Amino acid sequence: ILFYAFFKFLVGKDVVVELKNDLSICGALHSVDQYLNIILTLDSIVCYVQLQADKIDTQLLQDASHEEAMKQKQ
């Protein structure tokens, strides 16, 4: 849920999607589902999503990830 919420926050923001065939697509993130699929015509070949570092609070994401991991250990 944490990463889903993170990507939902990025809807409407510019992202770069790099496909497994080394093709990169730039554009605004339109939508994401609970499985973290970015809805594209060729969504089955998405390797990872590269985001603009200045648009992301990485410390907040790391802290939230750590907190989530600690909850799962309990």
Foldseek 3Di string as FASTA:
>chain_A
DLVQVVVVVQAQPWWWWQFPVRDIDIDGQHDADPVRQRDDPPSVGTDDIGGDPVVDPVVVSVVVVVVVVVVVVD
